[in-house]
Structures are given as C-alpha cells and as structure tokens.
Amino acid sequence: MESSFIGNLDEWIKLQKNLLTTLKDMEKKEKTEDMDRLDLILASRTAFQHMMRTLKAFDQWLQDPMVIKHMPREMLEDVKNTSWELLQRLLELDIRHTSQFREMISKMSKEGKLDPLIWTRPVTEEHPERERRGPLSTI
C-alpha cells in the first residue's frame, strides 16, 4: 500500500509541475494585452477548471486517513493560511468583477445599448434576492 500511495503522490506532483511549467511557458509566449476577448475567456475558464480540480483534490486529500493521521501541524497551518489567502483574493476578484459588470450593464440598459437578442428584460433593482449570475434569457 505504501508504495502505491507514494507512487500516486509522485504522479500528482509530476502532473502539477508539468502544468505549472506549461502555464509559465504560455504566459511568456502570449501576453494578456495581445489576447483577444475569446482568448481571455478561454484562458480564464482553463484556469478555473484547473483550480477547481486542484481544490477538489486538496479537499479529498484533507479527508484521507493517511494525511489526517500523519501530517504535521506546521504543514496544516500552511495549507490553512494559504487557502484563506487564496479565498480572500478570489472574493475580492468576485466582488470587484461583479460590481463593475453590474454598473456597466445598468448604464448600458439605461442607454438602450443591451443587445435585445441576448438580454430581453430590463435591468432593474426589483429582484435583489435572485442569484446574481442567473441565466440570461435568450430568444
């Protein structure tokens, strides 16, 4: 069991290192300012996909009896502190992005500039209890 557990860890580390190297190489080759809107969306979605995969694996990792029993407190503190820093940055991004988009959409609605094929209802503040990123109604 030990060798298979360690082998799995080695494989995970190798995959994550390869992904990190690939990301760094891609960043050098294509600067953000050279990307079009679709490239930016695809790059962001790829990043979120990998983050979700890694977060899910970390969550499973912290449920594994081998980890729970043997991981020293210092390592657990590092995971907790780093994960809280990441969460804070993610929340700041979410608040900033959602607020900016809300203001832009509200302004565009007042100016009659929303595409009617995509947005078929007026932007109002009538339903603040709705999920903020609900589906858009389309024709």
N, C-alpha and C. Protein backbone atom coordinates (compact mmCIF):
# COMPACT_ATOMS: atom_id res chain seq x y z
N MET A 1 0.81 -1.19 0.00
CA MET A 1 0.00 0.00 0.00
C MET A 1 0.86 1.26 0.00
N GLU A 2 1.92 1.27 0.81
CA GLU A 2 2.78 2.44 0.89
C GLU A 2 3.34 2.84 -0.46
N SER A 3 3.86 1.87 -1.21
CA SER A 3 4.48 2.20 -2.49
C SER A 3 3.45 2.74 -3.48
N SER A 4 2.25 2.21 -3.46
CA SER A 4 1.22 2.71 -4.36
C SER A 4 0.78 4.12 -3.95
N PHE A 5 0.67 4.37 -2.65
CA PHE A 5 0.31 5.69 -2.14
C PHE A 5 1.38 6.70 -2.54
N ILE A 6 2.62 6.35 -2.32
CA ILE A 6 3.74 7.24 -2.66
C ILE A 6 3.83 7.42 -4.18
N GLY A 7 3.58 6.35 -4.93
CA GLY A 7 3.57 6.46 -6.39
C GLY A 7 2.51 7.42 -6.88
N ASN A 8 1.32 7.37 -6.26
CA ASN A 8 0.25 8.31 -6.63
C ASN A 8 0.66 9.75 -6.32
N LEU A 9 1.31 9.94 -5.19
CA LEU A 9 1.78 11.28 -4.83
C LEU A 9 2.82 11.78 -5.84
N ASP A 10 3.75 10.90 -6.20
CA ASP A 10 4.76 11.26 -7.19
C ASP A 10 4.12 11.66 -8.52
N GLU A 11 3.13 10.90 -8.94
CA GLU A 11 2.45 11.18 -10.21
C GLU A 11 1.72 12.53 -10.15
N TRP A 12 1.04 12.79 -9.04
CA TRP A 12 0.31 14.06 -8.88
C TRP A 12 1.29 15.23 -8.94
N ILE A 13 2.41 15.11 -8.21
CA ILE A 13 3.42 16.18 -8.20
C ILE A 13 3.95 16.42 -9.61
N LYS A 14 4.22 15.35 -10.33
CA LYS A 14 4.72 15.46 -11.70
C LYS A 14 3.71 16.18 -12.59
N LEU A 15 2.45 15.80 -12.51
CA LEU A 15 1.40 16.43 -13.31
C LEU A 15 1.28 17.92 -12.99
N GLN A 16 1.29 18.25 -11.71
CA GLN A 16 1.15 19.65 -11.30
C GLN A 16 2.37 20.48 -11.74
N LYS A 17 3.56 19.91 -11.63
CA LYS A 17 4.77 20.61 -12.08
C LYS A 17 4.73 20.84 -13.59
N ASN A 18 4.29 19.84 -14.34
CA ASN A 18 4.17 19.98 -15.80
C ASN A 18 3.16 21.07 -16.15
N LEU A 19 2.05 21.10 -15.45
CA LEU A 19 1.04 22.13 -15.71
C LEU A 19 1.59 23.51 -15.39
N LEU A 20 2.29 23.64 -14.27
CA LEU A 20 2.88 24.92 -13.89
C LEU A 20 3.88 25.38 -14.95
N THR A 21 4.72 24.49 -15.42
CA THR A 21 5.69 24.82 -16.46
C THR A 21 4.97 25.25 -17.74
N THR A 22 3.93 24.53 -18.12
CA THR A 22 3.15 24.87 -19.31
C THR A 22 2.53 26.25 -19.18
N LEU A 23 1.95 26.55 -18.02
CA LEU A 23 1.34 27.86 -17.81
C LEU A 23 2.38 28.98 -17.91
N LYS A 24 3.52 28.77 -17.31
CA LYS A 24 4.58 29.79 -17.36
C LYS A 24 5.08 29.99 -18.79
N ASP A 25 5.22 28.90 -19.53
CA ASP A 25 5.64 28.99 -20.93
C ASP A 25 4.60 29.72 -21.77
N MET A 26 3.33 29.40 -21.54
CA MET A 26 2.25 30.06 -22.29
C MET A 26 2.21 31.55 -21.98
N GLU A 27 2.43 31.90 -20.73
CA GLU A 27 2.41 33.30 -20.32
C GLU A 27 3.52 34.10 -21.01
N LYS A 28 4.67 33.46 -21.18
CA LYS A 28 5.79 34.13 -21.86
C LYS A 28 5.49 34.32 -23.34
N LYS A 29 4.83 33.34 -23.95
CA LYS A 29 4.58 33.38 -25.39
C LYS A 29 3.47 34.35 -25.77
N GLU A 30 2.42 34.41 -24.95
CA GLU A 30 1.28 35.26 -25.30
C GLU A 30 0.92 36.14 -24.12
N LYS A 31 1.25 37.40 -24.26
CA LYS A 31 0.95 38.38 -23.22
C LYS A 31 -0.55 38.69 -23.23
N THR A 32 -1.09 39.01 -22.07
CA THR A 32 -2.51 39.31 -21.93
C THR A 32 -2.95 40.40 -22.89
N GLU A 33 -2.15 41.43 -23.05
CA GLU A 33 -2.55 42.54 -23.92
C GLU A 33 -2.62 42.14 -25.40
N ASP A 34 -2.01 41.02 -25.77
CA ASP A 34 -2.06 40.53 -27.15
C ASP A 34 -3.23 39.57 -27.39
N MET A 35 -3.96 39.23 -26.35
CA MET A 35 -5.06 38.27 -26.48
C MET A 35 -6.37 38.98 -26.84
N ASP A 36 -7.18 38.33 -27.68
CA ASP A 36 -8.50 38.88 -27.96
C ASP A 36 -9.47 38.43 -26.87
N ARG A 37 -10.72 38.86 -26.95
CA ARG A 37 -11.71 38.57 -25.91
C ARG A 37 -11.93 37.06 -25.74
N LEU A 38 -12.00 36.32 -26.84
CA LEU A 38 -12.21 34.87 -26.76
C LEU A 38 -11.02 34.20 -26.08
N ASP A 39 -9.81 34.61 -26.45
CA ASP A 39 -8.61 34.05 -25.80
C ASP A 39 -8.64 34.30 -24.30
N LEU A 40 -9.04 35.51 -23.90
CA LEU A 40 -9.11 35.84 -22.48
C LEU A 40 -10.13 34.98 -21.75
N ILE A 41 -11.27 34.77 -22.38
CA ILE A 41 -12.31 33.92 -21.77
C ILE A 41 -11.81 32.48 -21.65
N LEU A 42 -11.24 31.96 -22.72
CA LEU A 42 -10.74 30.58 -22.69
C LEU A 42 -9.63 30.40 -21.67
N ALA A 43 -8.73 31.36 -21.58
CA ALA A 43 -7.64 31.27 -20.60
C ALA A 43 -8.19 31.31 -19.18
N SER A 44 -9.17 32.18 -18.94
CA SER A 44 -9.77 32.26 -17.60
C SER A 44 -10.51 30.98 -17.26
N ARG A 45 -11.27 30.45 -18.20
CA ARG A 45 -12.00 29.21 -17.94
C ARG A 45 -11.06 28.04 -17.70
N THR A 46 -9.97 27.99 -18.45
CA THR A 46 -8.97 26.93 -18.23
C THR A 46 -8.39 27.04 -16.83
N ALA A 47 -8.08 28.26 -16.42
CA ALA A 47 -7.54 28.46 -15.08
C ALA A 47 -8.55 28.00 -14.03
N PHE A 48 -9.81 28.39 -14.19
CA PHE A 48 -10.83 27.98 -13.21
C PHE A 48 -11.01 26.47 -13.19
N GLN A 49 -10.97 25.83 -14.35
CA GLN A 49 -11.11 24.36 -14.41
C GLN A 49 -10.00 23.68 -13.61
N HIS A 50 -8.78 24.15 -13.81
CA HIS A 50 -7.65 23.54 -13.09
C HIS A 50 -7.70 23.86 -11.60
N MET A 51 -8.12 25.08 -11.27
CA MET A 51 -8.24 25.42 -9.85
C MET A 51 -9.29 24.54 -9.18
N MET A 52 -10.44 24.34 -9.84
CA MET A 52 -11.48 23.50 -9.25
C MET A 52 -10.99 22.08 -9.07
N ARG A 53 -10.26 21.58 -10.05
CA ARG A 53 -9.71 20.21 -9.97
C ARG A 53 -8.74 20.10 -8.79
N THR A 54 -7.87 21.09 -8.66
CA THR A 54 -6.89 21.08 -7.58
C THR A 54 -7.55 21.26 -6.22
N LEU A 55 -8.53 22.15 -6.15
CA LEU A 55 -9.24 22.36 -4.89
C LEU A 55 -9.99 21.09 -4.46
N LYS A 56 -10.62 20.43 -5.42
CA LYS A 56 -11.32 19.19 -5.10
C LYS A 56 -10.33 18.14 -4.59
N ALA A 57 -9.19 18.05 -5.25
CA ALA A 57 -8.18 17.09 -4.82
C ALA A 57 -7.64 17.43 -3.43
N PHE A 58 -7.45 18.73 -3.16
CA PHE A 58 -6.99 19.15 -1.83
C PHE A 58 -8.02 18.79 -0.77
N ASP A 59 -9.29 19.01 -1.09
CA ASP A 59 -10.35 18.68 -0.14
C ASP A 59 -10.35 17.17 0.16
N GLN A 60 -10.20 16.37 -0.89
CA GLN A 60 -10.14 14.91 -0.69
C GLN A 60 -8.88 14.53 0.08
N TRP A 61 -7.81 15.21 -0.21
CA TRP A 61 -6.53 14.99 0.47
C TRP A 61 -6.70 15.16 1.97
N LEU A 62 -7.41 16.22 2.37
CA LEU A 62 -7.58 16.51 3.80
C LEU A 62 -8.63 15.61 4.46
N GLN A 63 -9.18 14.67 3.69
CA GLN A 63 -10.09 13.67 4.25
C GLN A 63 -9.43 12.29 4.30
N ASP A 64 -8.26 12.19 3.72
CA ASP A 64 -7.56 10.91 3.64
C ASP A 64 -6.98 10.57 5.02
N PRO A 65 -7.29 9.38 5.55
CA PRO A 65 -6.78 8.99 6.87
C PRO A 65 -5.26 9.05 6.98
N MET A 66 -4.56 8.72 5.91
CA MET A 66 -3.10 8.76 5.93
C MET A 66 -2.61 10.20 6.16
N VAL A 67 -3.27 11.15 5.54
CA VAL A 67 -2.91 12.56 5.69
C VAL A 67 -3.32 13.06 7.08
N ILE A 68 -4.55 12.78 7.44
CA ILE A 68 -5.08 13.24 8.73
C ILE A 68 -4.21 12.74 9.89
N LYS A 69 -3.79 11.51 9.82
CA LYS A 69 -3.01 10.90 10.90
C LYS A 69 -1.57 11.40 10.96
N HIS A 70 -0.97 11.66 9.79
CA HIS A 70 0.48 11.87 9.78
C HIS A 70 0.95 13.28 9.43
N MET A 71 0.09 14.14 8.90
CA MET A 71 0.56 15.46 8.51
C MET A 71 0.84 16.31 9.74
N PRO A 72 2.03 16.89 9.82
CA PRO A 72 2.37 17.71 10.99
C PRO A 72 1.59 19.03 10.99
N ARG A 73 1.44 19.56 12.17
CA ARG A 73 0.69 20.80 12.37
C ARG A 73 1.20 21.94 11.48
N GLU A 74 2.52 22.08 11.34
CA GLU A 74 3.09 23.16 10.53
C GLU A 74 2.60 23.09 9.09
N MET A 75 2.51 21.89 8.53
CA MET A 75 2.02 21.74 7.17
C MET A 75 0.54 22.09 7.09
N LEU A 76 -0.22 21.70 8.10
CA LEU A 76 -1.65 22.02 8.13
C LEU A 76 -1.86 23.53 8.26
N GLU A 77 -1.02 24.18 9.05
CA GLU A 77 -1.11 25.64 9.18
C GLU A 77 -0.81 26.31 7.84
N ASP A 78 0.17 25.80 7.12
CA ASP A 78 0.49 26.35 5.80
C ASP A 78 -0.69 26.20 4.85
N VAL A 79 -1.32 25.03 4.84
CA VAL A 79 -2.48 24.82 3.97
C VAL A 79 -3.61 25.77 4.36
N LYS A 80 -3.89 25.87 5.64
CA LYS A 80 -4.97 26.75 6.11
C LYS A 80 -4.68 28.20 5.74
N ASN A 81 -3.47 28.68 6.07
CA ASN A 81 -3.14 30.09 5.81
C ASN A 81 -3.15 30.42 4.32
N THR A 82 -2.58 29.55 3.52
CA THR A 82 -2.55 29.78 2.08
C THR A 82 -3.94 29.70 1.48
N SER A 83 -4.74 28.73 1.91
CA SER A 83 -6.09 28.62 1.36
C SER A 83 -6.95 29.83 1.73
N TRP A 84 -6.75 30.37 2.90
CA TRP A 84 -7.51 31.56 3.30
C TRP A 84 -7.06 32.78 2.50
N GLU A 85 -5.77 32.88 2.20
CA GLU A 85 -5.27 33.97 1.35
C GLU A 85 -5.88 33.87 -0.05
N LEU A 86 -5.91 32.66 -0.59
CA LEU A 86 -6.49 32.44 -1.91
C LEU A 86 -7.98 32.77 -1.91
N LEU A 87 -8.68 32.35 -0.86
CA LEU A 87 -10.11 32.64 -0.76
C LEU A 87 -10.35 34.14 -0.71
N GLN A 88 -9.55 34.85 0.05
CA GLN A 88 -9.70 36.30 0.15
C GLN A 88 -9.49 36.95 -1.23
N ARG A 89 -8.44 36.54 -1.93
CA ARG A 89 -8.18 37.09 -3.27
C ARG A 89 -9.32 36.77 -4.24
N LEU A 90 -9.85 35.54 -4.15
CA LEU A 90 -10.96 35.15 -5.01
C LEU A 90 -12.21 35.99 -4.70
N LEU A 91 -12.50 36.18 -3.43
CA LEU A 91 -13.66 37.00 -3.05
C LEU A 91 -13.48 38.45 -3.51
N GLU A 92 -12.28 38.98 -3.37
CA GLU A 92 -12.02 40.34 -3.84
C GLU A 92 -12.21 40.44 -5.35
N LEU A 93 -11.73 39.45 -6.10
CA LEU A 93 -11.94 39.41 -7.55
C LEU A 93 -13.43 39.36 -7.87
N ASP A 94 -14.14 38.48 -7.20
CA ASP A 94 -15.57 38.30 -7.45
C ASP A 94 -16.34 39.60 -7.18
N ILE A 95 -16.07 40.23 -6.05
CA ILE A 95 -16.76 41.47 -5.69
C ILE A 95 -16.44 42.56 -6.71
N ARG A 96 -15.15 42.73 -7.03
CA ARG A 96 -14.72 43.75 -7.99
C ARG A 96 -15.35 43.52 -9.36
N HIS A 97 -15.21 42.30 -9.86
CA HIS A 97 -15.70 41.99 -11.21
C HIS A 97 -17.21 42.11 -11.29
N THR A 98 -17.91 41.55 -10.33
CA THR A 98 -19.38 41.59 -10.36
C THR A 98 -19.89 43.01 -10.22
N SER A 99 -19.27 43.81 -9.36
CA SER A 99 -19.69 45.20 -9.18
C SER A 99 -19.47 46.01 -10.45
N GLN A 100 -18.31 45.84 -11.07
CA GLN A 100 -18.02 46.56 -12.30
C GLN A 100 -18.98 46.16 -13.41
N PHE A 101 -19.25 44.86 -13.53
CA PHE A 101 -20.14 44.39 -14.58
C PHE A 101 -21.57 44.89 -14.33
N ARG A 102 -21.99 44.88 -13.07
CA ARG A 102 -23.33 45.37 -12.74
C ARG A 102 -23.48 46.83 -13.14
N GLU A 103 -22.49 47.64 -12.82
CA GLU A 103 -22.55 49.06 -13.17
C GLU A 103 -22.58 49.25 -14.69
N MET A 104 -21.77 48.51 -15.41
CA MET A 104 -21.72 48.62 -16.86
C MET A 104 -23.06 48.22 -17.49
N ILE A 105 -23.63 47.10 -17.04
CA ILE A 105 -24.90 46.62 -17.59
C ILE A 105 -26.03 47.61 -17.26
N SER A 106 -26.02 48.13 -16.05
CA SER A 106 -27.04 49.10 -15.65
C SER A 106 -26.97 50.33 -16.55
N LYS A 107 -25.76 50.83 -16.77
CA LYS A 107 -25.57 52.00 -17.63
C LYS A 107 -26.01 51.69 -19.06
N MET A 108 -25.60 50.54 -19.59
CA MET A 108 -25.97 50.16 -20.95
C MET A 108 -27.48 50.01 -21.09
N SER A 109 -28.14 49.50 -20.06
CA SER A 109 -29.59 49.35 -20.09
C SER A 109 -30.27 50.71 -20.18
N LYS A 110 -29.82 51.65 -19.35
CA LYS A 110 -30.39 52.99 -19.35
C LYS A 110 -30.19 53.68 -20.70
N GLU A 111 -29.10 53.37 -21.35
CA GLU A 111 -28.79 53.97 -22.65
C GLU A 111 -29.39 53.18 -23.81
N GLY A 112 -30.07 52.07 -23.52
CA GLY A 112 -30.68 51.24 -24.57
C GLY A 112 -29.65 50.53 -25.42
N LYS A 113 -28.51 50.19 -24.87
CA LYS A 113 -27.42 49.58 -25.63
C LYS A 113 -27.27 48.08 -25.42
N LEU A 114 -28.15 47.45 -24.64
CA LEU A 114 -28.06 46.00 -24.46
C LEU A 114 -28.60 45.30 -25.69
N ASP A 115 -27.90 44.27 -26.12
CA ASP A 115 -28.33 43.50 -27.30
C ASP A 115 -29.65 42.80 -27.01
N PRO A 116 -30.71 43.13 -27.74
CA PRO A 116 -32.03 42.54 -27.46
C PRO A 116 -32.10 41.04 -27.77
N LEU A 117 -31.19 40.52 -28.56
CA LEU A 117 -31.17 39.08 -28.83
C LEU A 117 -30.66 38.29 -27.64
N ILE A 118 -29.91 38.96 -26.77
CA ILE A 118 -29.34 38.29 -25.61
C ILE A 118 -30.05 38.69 -24.34
N TRP A 119 -30.35 39.97 -24.22
CA TRP A 119 -30.95 40.49 -22.98
C TRP A 119 -32.35 40.97 -23.30
N THR A 120 -33.37 40.21 -22.91
CA THR A 120 -34.75 40.55 -23.28
C THR A 120 -35.54 41.18 -22.15
N ARG A 121 -34.91 41.42 -21.01
CA ARG A 121 -35.62 42.06 -19.91
C ARG A 121 -34.83 43.27 -19.43
N PRO A 122 -35.52 44.27 -18.94
CA PRO A 122 -34.80 45.45 -18.45
C PRO A 122 -34.03 45.13 -17.17
N VAL A 123 -32.93 45.81 -17.01
CA VAL A 123 -32.13 45.67 -15.79
C VAL A 123 -32.79 46.55 -14.74
N THR A 124 -33.22 45.93 -13.64
CA THR A 124 -33.85 46.69 -12.56
C THR A 124 -33.28 46.23 -11.24
N GLU A 125 -33.66 46.92 -10.22
CA GLU A 125 -33.23 46.51 -8.89
C GLU A 125 -34.40 45.88 -8.14
N GLU A 126 -35.40 45.38 -8.88
CA GLU A 126 -36.60 44.81 -8.27
C GLU A 126 -36.36 43.50 -7.56
N HIS A 127 -35.42 42.69 -8.04
CA HIS A 127 -35.25 41.33 -7.54
C HIS A 127 -33.85 41.10 -7.00
N PRO A 128 -33.45 41.79 -5.92
CA PRO A 128 -32.10 41.58 -5.40
C PRO A 128 -31.89 40.21 -4.80
N GLU A 129 -32.98 39.47 -4.53
CA GLU A 129 -32.82 38.15 -3.93
C GLU A 129 -32.43 37.09 -4.95
N ARG A 130 -32.53 37.40 -6.23
CA ARG A 130 -32.15 36.44 -7.27
C ARG A 130 -30.66 36.18 -7.25
N GLU A 131 -30.31 35.01 -7.69
CA GLU A 131 -28.88 34.69 -7.82
C GLU A 131 -28.26 35.66 -8.81
N ARG A 132 -27.13 36.23 -8.47
CA ARG A 132 -26.58 37.33 -9.25
C ARG A 132 -26.07 36.91 -10.63
N ARG A 133 -25.80 35.66 -10.81
CA ARG A 133 -25.31 35.22 -12.12
C ARG A 133 -26.27 34.19 -12.71
N GLY A 134 -27.52 34.51 -12.65
CA GLY A 134 -28.52 33.61 -13.21
C GLY A 134 -28.42 33.59 -14.73
N PRO A 135 -29.12 32.67 -15.36
CA PRO A 135 -29.05 32.57 -16.82
C PRO A 135 -29.72 33.78 -17.47
N LEU A 136 -29.15 34.15 -18.60
CA LEU A 136 -29.75 35.21 -19.39
C LEU A 136 -30.86 34.61 -20.25
N SER A 137 -31.94 35.35 -20.42
CA SER A 137 -32.99 34.83 -21.28
C SER A 137 -32.62 35.14 -22.73
N THR A 138 -32.82 34.15 -23.58
CA THR A 138 -32.49 34.32 -25.00
C THR A 138 -33.69 33.93 -25.83
N ILE A 139 -33.67 34.35 -27.05
CA ILE A 139 -34.78 34.03 -27.96
C ILE A 139 -34.54 32.69 -28.61
